[in-house]
Amino acid sequence: HRQGRALVCPVVPLGLHEDITDHLPAPPSVAVPLD
């Protein structure tokens, strides 16, 4: 991501279609330290 950071993003699992997941609150993406 940025210096000393990584971005963690949840991925829609295989077998689930976006037609379903688009109607649910998305889990957050967060920046984490490289520790």
PDB file of all heavy atoms in Angstrom:
ATOM      1  N   HIS A   1       0.839  -1.196   0.000  1.00  0.00           N
ATOM      2  CA  HIS A   1       0.000   0.000   0.000  1.00  0.00           C
ATOM      3  C   HIS A   1       0.871   1.242   0.000  1.00  0.00           C
ATOM      4  O   HIS A   1       1.243   1.735  -1.049  1.00  0.00           O
ATOM      5  CB  HIS A   1      -0.925  -0.056   1.214  1.00  0.00           C
ATOM      6  CG  HIS A   1      -1.973   1.001   1.274  1.00  0.00           C
ATOM      7  ND1 HIS A   1      -2.723   1.386   0.197  1.00  0.00           N
ATOM      8  CD2 HIS A   1      -2.419   1.747   2.306  1.00  0.00           C
ATOM      9  CE1 HIS A   1      -3.571   2.325   0.554  1.00  0.00           C
ATOM     10  NE2 HIS A   1      -3.403   2.563   1.832  1.00  0.00           N
ATOM     11  N   ARG A   2       1.180   1.731   1.136  1.00  0.00           N
ATOM     12  CA  ARG A   2       2.095   2.859   1.274  1.00  0.00           C
ATOM     13  C   ARG A   2       3.309   2.370   2.038  1.00  0.00           C
ATOM     14  O   ARG A   2       3.349   1.239   2.481  1.00  0.00           O
ATOM     15  CB  ARG A   2       1.414   3.994   2.049  1.00  0.00           C
ATOM     16  CG  ARG A   2       0.354   4.692   1.245  1.00  0.00           C
ATOM     17  CD  ARG A   2      -0.265   5.792   2.056  1.00  0.00           C
ATOM     18  NE  ARG A   2      -1.511   5.232   2.592  1.00  0.00           N
ATOM     19  CZ  ARG A   2      -2.117   5.638   3.652  1.00  0.00           C
ATOM     20  NH1 ARG A   2      -1.632   6.607   4.364  1.00  0.00           N
ATOM     21  NH2 ARG A   2      -3.229   5.085   4.061  1.00  0.00           N
ATOM     22  N   GLN A   3       4.262   3.242   2.200  1.00  0.00           N
ATOM     23  CA  GLN A   3       5.485   2.851   2.897  1.00  0.00           C
ATOM     24  C   GLN A   3       5.155   2.241   4.259  1.00  0.00           C
ATOM     25  O   GLN A   3       4.485   2.852   5.082  1.00  0.00           O
ATOM     26  CB  GLN A   3       6.375   4.070   3.088  1.00  0.00           C
ATOM     27  CG  GLN A   3       7.637   3.739   3.829  1.00  0.00           C
ATOM     28  CD  GLN A   3       8.853   4.186   3.076  1.00  0.00           C
ATOM     29  OE1 GLN A   3       8.756   4.890   2.095  1.00  0.00           O
ATOM     30  NE2 GLN A   3      10.010   3.773   3.544  1.00  0.00           N
ATOM     31  N   GLY A   4       5.578   1.009   4.456  1.00  0.00           N
ATOM     32  CA  GLY A   4       5.384   0.345   5.727  1.00  0.00           C
ATOM     33  C   GLY A   4       3.967  -0.156   5.977  1.00  0.00           C
ATOM     34  O   GLY A   4       3.633  -0.507   7.102  1.00  0.00           O
ATOM     35  N   ARG A   5       3.122  -0.198   4.952  1.00  0.00           N
ATOM     36  CA  ARG A   5       1.729  -0.616   5.110  1.00  0.00           C
ATOM     37  C   ARG A   5       1.331  -1.578   3.993  1.00  0.00           C
ATOM     38  O   ARG A   5       1.890  -1.580   2.915  1.00  0.00           O
ATOM     39  CB  ARG A   5       0.772   0.578   5.050  1.00  0.00           C
ATOM     40  CG  ARG A   5       1.144   1.786   5.843  1.00  0.00           C
ATOM     41  CD  ARG A   5       0.841   1.786   7.274  1.00  0.00           C
ATOM     42  NE  ARG A   5      -0.569   1.838   7.587  1.00  0.00           N
ATOM     43  CZ  ARG A   5      -1.008   1.526   8.785  1.00  0.00           C
ATOM     44  NH1 ARG A   5      -0.190   1.139   9.725  1.00  0.00           N
ATOM     45  NH2 ARG A   5      -2.279   1.585   9.064  1.00  0.00           N
ATOM     46  N   ALA A   6       0.314  -2.374   4.293  1.00  0.00           N
ATOM     47  CA  ALA A   6      -0.313  -3.243   3.294  1.00  0.00           C
ATOM     48  C   ALA A   6      -1.816  -3.023   3.396  1.00  0.00           C
ATOM     49  O   ALA A   6      -2.328  -2.686   4.466  1.00  0.00           O
ATOM     50  CB  ALA A   6       0.026  -4.705   3.549  1.00  0.00           C
ATOM     51  N   LEU A   7      -2.516  -3.190   2.300  1.00  0.00           N
ATOM     52  CA  LEU A   7      -3.967  -3.083   2.292  1.00  0.00           C
ATOM     53  C   LEU A   7      -4.535  -4.490   2.264  1.00  0.00           C
ATOM     54  O   LEU A   7      -4.113  -5.331   1.469  1.00  0.00           O
ATOM     55  CB  LEU A   7      -4.437  -2.294   1.068  1.00  0.00           C
ATOM     56  CG  LEU A   7      -5.912  -1.938   1.008  1.00  0.00           C
ATOM     57  CD1 LEU A   7      -6.300  -1.039   2.172  1.00  0.00           C
ATOM     58  CD2 LEU A   7      -6.234  -1.249  -0.311  1.00  0.00           C
ATOM     59  N   VAL A   8      -5.482  -4.765   3.159  1.00  0.00           N
ATOM     60  CA  VAL A   8      -6.135  -6.071   3.256  1.00  0.00           C
ATOM     61  C   VAL A   8      -7.565  -5.908   2.783  1.00  0.00           C
ATOM     62  O   VAL A   8      -8.327  -5.130   3.358  1.00  0.00           O
ATOM     63  CB  VAL A   8      -6.123  -6.601   4.704  1.00  0.00           C
ATOM     64  CG1 VAL A   8      -6.804  -7.955   4.790  1.00  0.00           C
ATOM     65  CG2 VAL A   8      -4.708  -6.663   5.238  1.00  0.00           C
ATOM     66  N   CYS A   9      -7.921  -6.641   1.727  1.00  0.00           N
ATOM     67  CA  CYS A   9      -9.256  -6.536   1.139  1.00  0.00           C
ATOM     68  C   CYS A   9      -9.930  -7.905   1.137  1.00  0.00           C
ATOM     69  O   CYS A   9      -9.357  -8.877   0.633  1.00  0.00           O
ATOM     70  CB  CYS A   9      -9.173  -6.044  -0.298  1.00  0.00           C
ATOM     71  SG  CYS A   9      -8.300  -4.488  -0.511  1.00  0.00           S
ATOM     72  N   PRO A  10     -11.157  -8.009   1.660  1.00  0.00           N
ATOM     73  CA  PRO A  10     -11.900  -9.269   1.567  1.00  0.00           C
ATOM     74  C   PRO A  10     -12.290  -9.533   0.118  1.00  0.00           C
ATOM     75  O   PRO A  10     -12.576  -8.606  -0.645  1.00  0.00           O
ATOM     76  CB  PRO A  10     -13.144  -9.028   2.420  1.00  0.00           C
ATOM     77  CG  PRO A  10     -12.876  -7.786   3.189  1.00  0.00           C
ATOM     78  CD  PRO A  10     -11.868  -7.007   2.437  1.00  0.00           C
ATOM     79  N   VAL A  11     -12.312 -10.795  -0.257  1.00  0.00           N
ATOM     80  CA  VAL A  11     -12.653 -11.208  -1.620  1.00  0.00           C
ATOM     81  C   VAL A  11     -13.940 -12.035  -1.558  1.00  0.00           C
ATOM     82  O   VAL A  11     -14.125 -12.836  -0.642  1.00  0.00           O
ATOM     83  CB  VAL A  11     -11.501 -12.053  -2.226  1.00  0.00           C
ATOM     84  CG1 VAL A  11     -11.853 -12.575  -3.602  1.00  0.00           C
ATOM     85  CG2 VAL A  11     -10.209 -11.228  -2.267  1.00  0.00           C
ATOM     86  N   VAL A  12     -14.813 -11.820  -2.535  1.00  0.00           N
ATOM     87  CA  VAL A  12     -16.040 -12.613  -2.611  1.00  0.00           C
ATOM     88  C   VAL A  12     -15.627 -14.063  -2.868  1.00  0.00           C
ATOM     89  O   VAL A  12     -14.952 -14.354  -3.853  1.00  0.00           O
ATOM     90  CB  VAL A  12     -16.956 -12.111  -3.747  1.00  0.00           C
ATOM     91  CG1 VAL A  12     -18.159 -13.020  -3.901  1.00  0.00           C
ATOM     92  CG2 VAL A  12     -17.394 -10.676  -3.496  1.00  0.00           C
ATOM     93  N   PRO A  13     -15.998 -14.993  -1.975  1.00  0.00           N
ATOM     94  CA  PRO A  13     -15.610 -16.393  -2.169  1.00  0.00           C
ATOM     95  C   PRO A  13     -16.205 -16.965  -3.459  1.00  0.00           C
ATOM     96  O   PRO A  13     -17.294 -16.562  -3.888  1.00  0.00           O
ATOM     97  CB  PRO A  13     -16.190 -17.111  -0.952  1.00  0.00           C
ATOM     98  CG  PRO A  13     -16.388 -16.051   0.066  1.00  0.00           C
ATOM     99  CD  PRO A  13     -16.715 -14.813  -0.710  1.00  0.00           C
ATOM    100  N   LEU A  14     -15.490 -17.898  -4.047  1.00  0.00           N
ATOM    101  CA  LEU A  14     -15.994 -18.570  -5.238  1.00  0.00           C
ATOM    102  C   LEU A  14     -17.299 -19.266  -4.892  1.00  0.00           C
ATOM    103  O   LEU A  14     -17.470 -19.775  -3.784  1.00  0.00           O
ATOM    104  CB  LEU A  14     -14.972 -19.577  -5.765  1.00  0.00           C
ATOM    105  CG  LEU A  14     -13.669 -18.957  -6.270  1.00  0.00           C
ATOM    106  CD1 LEU A  14     -12.688 -20.060  -6.660  1.00  0.00           C
ATOM    107  CD2 LEU A  14     -13.920 -18.037  -7.448  1.00  0.00           C
ATOM    108  N   GLY A  15     -18.226 -19.271  -5.808  1.00  0.00           N
ATOM    109  CA  GLY A  15     -19.522 -19.886  -5.571  1.00  0.00           C
ATOM    110  C   GLY A  15     -20.577 -18.885  -5.148  1.00  0.00           C
ATOM    111  O   GLY A  15     -21.762 -19.195  -5.157  1.00  0.00           O
ATOM    112  N   LEU A  16     -20.156 -17.681  -4.758  1.00  0.00           N
ATOM    113  CA  LEU A  16     -21.119 -16.630  -4.432  1.00  0.00           C
ATOM    114  C   LEU A  16     -21.131 -15.622  -5.572  1.00  0.00           C
ATOM    115  O   LEU A  16     -20.083 -15.203  -6.047  1.00  0.00           O
ATOM    116  CB  LEU A  16     -20.744 -15.922  -3.131  1.00  0.00           C
ATOM    117  CG  LEU A  16     -20.954 -16.714  -1.858  1.00  0.00           C
ATOM    118  CD1 LEU A  16     -20.471 -15.909  -0.651  1.00  0.00           C
ATOM    119  CD2 LEU A  16     -22.417 -17.083  -1.686  1.00  0.00           C
ATOM    120  N   HIS A  17     -22.316 -15.244  -5.976  1.00  0.00           N
ATOM    121  CA  HIS A  17     -22.444 -14.316  -7.089  1.00  0.00           C
ATOM    122  C   HIS A  17     -22.614 -12.898  -6.568  1.00  0.00           C
ATOM    123  O   HIS A  17     -23.197 -12.680  -5.516  1.00  0.00           O
ATOM    124  CB  HIS A  17     -23.649 -14.714  -7.961  1.00  0.00           C
ATOM    125  CG  HIS A  17     -23.617 -14.056  -9.298  1.00  0.00           C
ATOM    126  ND1 HIS A  17     -24.129 -12.811  -9.512  1.00  0.00           N
ATOM    127  CD2 HIS A  17     -23.109 -14.474 -10.477  1.00  0.00           C
ATOM    128  CE1 HIS A  17     -23.957 -12.480 -10.773  1.00  0.00           C
ATOM    129  NE2 HIS A  17     -23.334 -13.475 -11.382  1.00  0.00           N
ATOM    130  N   GLU A  18     -22.121 -11.941  -7.344  1.00  0.00           N
ATOM    131  CA  GLU A  18     -22.219 -10.540  -6.946  1.00  0.00           C
ATOM    132  C   GLU A  18     -23.667 -10.064  -6.843  1.00  0.00           C
ATOM    133  O   GLU A  18     -23.951  -9.085  -6.159  1.00  0.00           O
ATOM    134  CB  GLU A  18     -21.457  -9.638  -7.924  1.00  0.00           C
ATOM    135  CG  GLU A  18     -19.950  -9.739  -7.796  1.00  0.00           C
ATOM    136  CD  GLU A  18     -19.355 -10.869  -8.616  1.00  0.00           C
ATOM    137  OE1 GLU A  18     -20.106 -11.590  -9.312  1.00  0.00           O
ATOM    138  OE2 GLU A  18     -18.136 -11.060  -8.556  1.00  0.00           O
ATOM    139  N   ASP A  19     -24.600 -10.733  -7.505  1.00  0.00           N
ATOM    140  CA  ASP A  19     -26.009 -10.352  -7.372  1.00  0.00           C
ATOM    141  C   ASP A  19     -26.467 -10.492  -5.925  1.00  0.00           C
ATOM    142  O   ASP A  19     -27.359  -9.781  -5.479  1.00  0.00           O
ATOM    143  CB  ASP A  19     -26.902 -11.223  -8.267  1.00  0.00           C
ATOM    144  CG  ASP A  19     -26.790 -10.848  -9.728  1.00  0.00           C
ATOM    145  OD1 ASP A  19     -26.227  -9.775 -10.019  1.00  0.00           O
ATOM    146  OD2 ASP A  19     -27.260 -11.620 -10.575  1.00  0.00           O
ATOM    147  N   ILE A  20     -25.868 -11.402  -5.203  1.00  0.00           N
ATOM    148  CA  ILE A  20     -26.217 -11.580  -3.788  1.00  0.00           C
ATOM    149  C   ILE A  20     -25.365 -10.666  -2.918  1.00  0.00           C
ATOM    150  O   ILE A  20     -25.875  -9.941  -2.066  1.00  0.00           O
ATOM    151  CB  ILE A  20     -26.044 -13.052  -3.371  1.00  0.00           C
ATOM    152  CG1 ILE A  20     -27.089 -13.901  -4.082  1.00  0.00           C
ATOM    153  CG2 ILE A  20     -26.130 -13.210  -1.860  1.00  0.00           C
ATOM    154  CD1 ILE A  20     -26.922 -15.375  -3.896  1.00  0.00           C
ATOM    155  N   THR A  21     -24.065 -10.664  -3.139  1.00  0.00           N
ATOM    156  CA  THR A  21     -23.175  -9.911  -2.256  1.00  0.00           C
ATOM    157  C   THR A  21     -23.349  -8.402  -2.403  1.00  0.00           C
ATOM    158  O   THR A  21     -23.089  -7.667  -1.451  1.00  0.00           O
ATOM    159  CB  THR A  21     -21.704 -10.289  -2.498  1.00  0.00           C
ATOM    160  OG1 THR A  21     -21.355 -10.026  -3.862  1.00  0.00           O
ATOM    161  CG2 THR A  21     -21.463 -11.749  -2.170  1.00  0.00           C
ATOM    162  N   ASP A  22     -23.799  -7.933  -3.551  1.00  0.00           N
ATOM    163  CA  ASP A  22     -24.013  -6.491  -3.719  1.00  0.00           C
ATOM    164  C   ASP A  22     -25.141  -5.965  -2.850  1.00  0.00           C
ATOM    165  O   ASP A  22     -25.242  -4.769  -2.612  1.00  0.00           O
ATOM    166  CB  ASP A  22     -24.309  -6.151  -5.184  1.00  0.00           C
ATOM    167  CG  ASP A  22     -23.057  -6.082  -6.031  1.00  0.00           C
ATOM    168  OD1 ASP A  22     -21.946  -6.082  -5.459  1.00  0.00           O
ATOM    169  OD2 ASP A  22     -23.174  -6.028  -7.269  1.00  0.00           O
ATOM    170  N   HIS A  23     -26.006  -6.843  -2.366  1.00  0.00           N
ATOM    171  CA  HIS A  23     -27.139  -6.419  -1.544  1.00  0.00           C
ATOM    172  C   HIS A  23     -26.871  -6.574  -0.043  1.00  0.00           C
ATOM    173  O   HIS A  23     -27.773  -6.398   0.764  1.00  0.00           O
ATOM    174  CB  HIS A  23     -28.394  -7.195  -1.946  1.00  0.00           C
ATOM    175  CG  HIS A  23     -28.798  -6.907  -3.356  1.00  0.00           C
ATOM    176  ND1 HIS A  23     -29.401  -5.730  -3.733  1.00  0.00           N
ATOM    177  CD2 HIS A  23     -28.647  -7.623  -4.492  1.00  0.00           C
ATOM    178  CE1 HIS A  23     -29.617  -5.737  -5.036  1.00  0.00           C
ATOM    179  NE2 HIS A  23     -29.165  -6.877  -5.519  1.00  0.00           N
ATOM    180  N   LEU A  24     -25.641  -6.916   0.300  1.00  0.00           N
ATOM    181  CA  LEU A  24     -25.261  -7.077   1.704  1.00  0.00           C
ATOM    182  C   LEU A  24     -24.180  -6.053   2.045  1.00  0.00           C
ATOM    183  O   LEU A  24     -23.402  -5.668   1.178  1.00  0.00           O
ATOM    184  CB  LEU A  24     -24.719  -8.487   1.948  1.00  0.00           C
ATOM    185  CG  LEU A  24     -25.693  -9.630   1.708  1.00  0.00           C
ATOM    186  CD1 LEU A  24     -24.961 -10.960   1.765  1.00  0.00           C
ATOM    187  CD2 LEU A  24     -26.809  -9.593   2.731  1.00  0.00           C
ATOM    188  N   PRO A  25     -24.111  -5.633   3.297  1.00  0.00           N
ATOM    189  CA  PRO A  25     -23.023  -4.720   3.668  1.00  0.00           C
ATOM    190  C   PRO A  25     -21.668  -5.392   3.438  1.00  0.00           C
ATOM    191  O   PRO A  25     -21.452  -6.532   3.833  1.00  0.00           O
ATOM    192  CB  PRO A  25     -23.253  -4.472   5.155  1.00  0.00           C
ATOM    193  CG  PRO A  25     -24.671  -4.858   5.413  1.00  0.00           C
ATOM    194  CD  PRO A  25     -25.015  -5.916   4.403  1.00  0.00           C
ATOM    195  N   ALA A  26     -20.791  -4.681   2.757  1.00  0.00           N
ATOM    196  CA  ALA A  26     -19.461  -5.229   2.447  1.00  0.00           C
ATOM    197  C   ALA A  26     -18.573  -5.180   3.687  1.00  0.00           C
ATOM    198  O   ALA A  26     -18.617  -4.221   4.455  1.00  0.00           O
ATOM    199  CB  ALA A  26     -18.817  -4.440   1.321  1.00  0.00           C
ATOM    200  N   PRO A  27     -17.763  -6.219   3.883  1.00  0.00           N
ATOM    201  CA  PRO A  27     -16.799  -6.172   4.987  1.00  0.00           C
ATOM    202  C   PRO A  27     -15.739  -5.112   4.690  1.00  0.00           C
ATOM    203  O   PRO A  27     -15.487  -4.792   3.531  1.00  0.00           O
ATOM    204  CB  PRO A  27     -16.197  -7.574   5.007  1.00  0.00           C
ATOM    205  CG  PRO A  27     -16.640  -8.250   3.769  1.00  0.00           C
ATOM    206  CD  PRO A  27     -17.715  -7.454   3.139  1.00  0.00           C
ATOM    207  N   PRO A  28     -15.109  -4.571   5.724  1.00  0.00           N
ATOM    208  CA  PRO A  28     -14.155  -3.480   5.502  1.00  0.00           C
ATOM    209  C   PRO A  28     -12.825  -3.959   4.930  1.00  0.00           C
ATOM    210  O   PRO A  28     -12.388  -5.077   5.170  1.00  0.00           O
ATOM    211  CB  PRO A  28     -13.957  -2.910   6.911  1.00  0.00           C
ATOM    212  CG  PRO A  28     -14.187  -4.078   7.810  1.00  0.00           C
ATOM    213  CD  PRO A  28     -15.261  -4.892   7.141  1.00  0.00           C
ATOM    214  N   SER A  29     -12.197  -3.073   4.176  1.00  0.00           N
ATOM    215  CA  SER A  29     -10.794  -3.215   3.793  1.00  0.00           C
ATOM    216  C   SER A  29     -10.011  -2.340   4.752  1.00  0.00           C
ATOM    217  O   SER A  29     -10.460  -1.240   5.088  1.00  0.00           O
ATOM    218  CB  SER A  29     -10.566  -2.733   2.356  1.00  0.00           C
ATOM    219  OG  SER A  29     -11.246  -3.550   1.441  1.00  0.00           O
ATOM    220  N   VAL A  30      -8.876  -2.825   5.223  1.00  0.00           N
ATOM    221  CA  VAL A  30      -8.090  -2.049   6.194  1.00  0.00           C
ATOM    222  C   VAL A  30      -6.622  -2.035   5.802  1.00  0.00           C
ATOM    223  O   VAL A  30      -6.123  -2.964   5.165  1.00  0.00           O
ATOM    224  CB  VAL A  30      -8.236  -2.593   7.638  1.00  0.00           C
ATOM    225  CG1 VAL A  30      -9.659  -2.518   8.121  1.00  0.00           C
ATOM    226  CG2 VAL A  30      -7.691  -3.987   7.762  1.00  0.00           C
ATOM    227  N   ALA A  31      -5.952  -0.973   6.213  1.00  0.00           N
ATOM    228  CA  ALA A  31      -4.501  -0.898   6.061  1.00  0.00           C
ATOM    229  C   ALA A  31      -3.874  -1.465   7.324  1.00  0.00           C
ATOM    230  O   ALA A  31      -4.365  -1.230   8.433  1.00  0.00           O
ATOM    231  CB  ALA A  31      -4.064   0.541   5.848  1.00  0.00           C
ATOM    232  N   VAL A  32      -2.832  -2.256   7.132  1.00  0.00           N
ATOM    233  CA  VAL A  32      -2.142  -2.874   8.269  1.00  0.00           C
ATOM    234  C   VAL A  32      -0.650  -2.578   8.172  1.00  0.00           C
ATOM    235  O   VAL A  32      -0.113  -2.368   7.086  1.00  0.00           O
ATOM    236  CB  VAL A  32      -2.373  -4.414   8.307  1.00  0.00           C
ATOM    237  CG1 VAL A  32      -3.842  -4.733   8.487  1.00  0.00           C
ATOM    238  CG2 VAL A  32      -1.818  -5.092   7.068  1.00  0.00           C
ATOM    239  N   PRO A  33       0.034  -2.556   9.315  1.00  0.00           N
ATOM    240  CA  PRO A  33       1.485  -2.372   9.277  1.00  0.00           C
ATOM    241  C   PRO A  33       2.159  -3.626   8.730  1.00  0.00           C
ATOM    242  O   PRO A  33       1.596  -4.719   8.771  1.00  0.00           O
ATOM    243  CB  PRO A  33       1.856  -2.144  10.744  1.00  0.00           C
ATOM    244  CG  PRO A  33       0.731  -2.714  11.532  1.00  0.00           C
ATOM    245  CD  PRO A  33      -0.491  -2.653  10.667  1.00  0.00           C
ATOM    246  N   LEU A  34       3.345  -3.471   8.204  1.00  0.00           N
ATOM    247  CA  LEU A  34       4.090  -4.608   7.651  1.00  0.00           C
ATOM    248  C   LEU A  34       4.784  -5.434   8.734  1.00  0.00           C
ATOM    249  O   LEU A  34       5.761  -6.118   8.466  1.00  0.00           O
ATOM    250  CB  LEU A  34       5.112  -4.131   6.612  1.00  0.00           C
ATOM    251  CG  LEU A  34       4.513  -3.646   5.299  1.00  0.00           C
ATOM    252  CD1 LEU A  34       5.599  -3.156   4.348  1.00  0.00           C
ATOM    253  CD2 LEU A  34       3.695  -4.745   4.643  1.00  0.00           C
ATOM    254  N   ASP A  35       4.249  -5.400   9.925  1.00  0.00           N
ATOM    255  CA  ASP A  35       4.690  -6.254  11.013  1.00  0.00           C
ATOM    256  C   ASP A  35       3.681  -7.408  11.082  1.00  0.00           C
ATOM    257  O   ASP A  35       2.500  -7.169  11.312  1.00  0.00           O
ATOM    258  CB  ASP A  35       4.692  -5.442  12.311  1.00  0.00           C
ATOM    259  CG  ASP A  35       4.993  -6.294  13.526  1.00  0.00           C
ATOM    260  OD1 ASP A  35       4.176  -7.190  13.846  1.00  0.00           O
ATOM    261  OD2 ASP A  35       6.025  -6.055  14.162  1.00  0.00           O
TER     262      ASP A  35
END
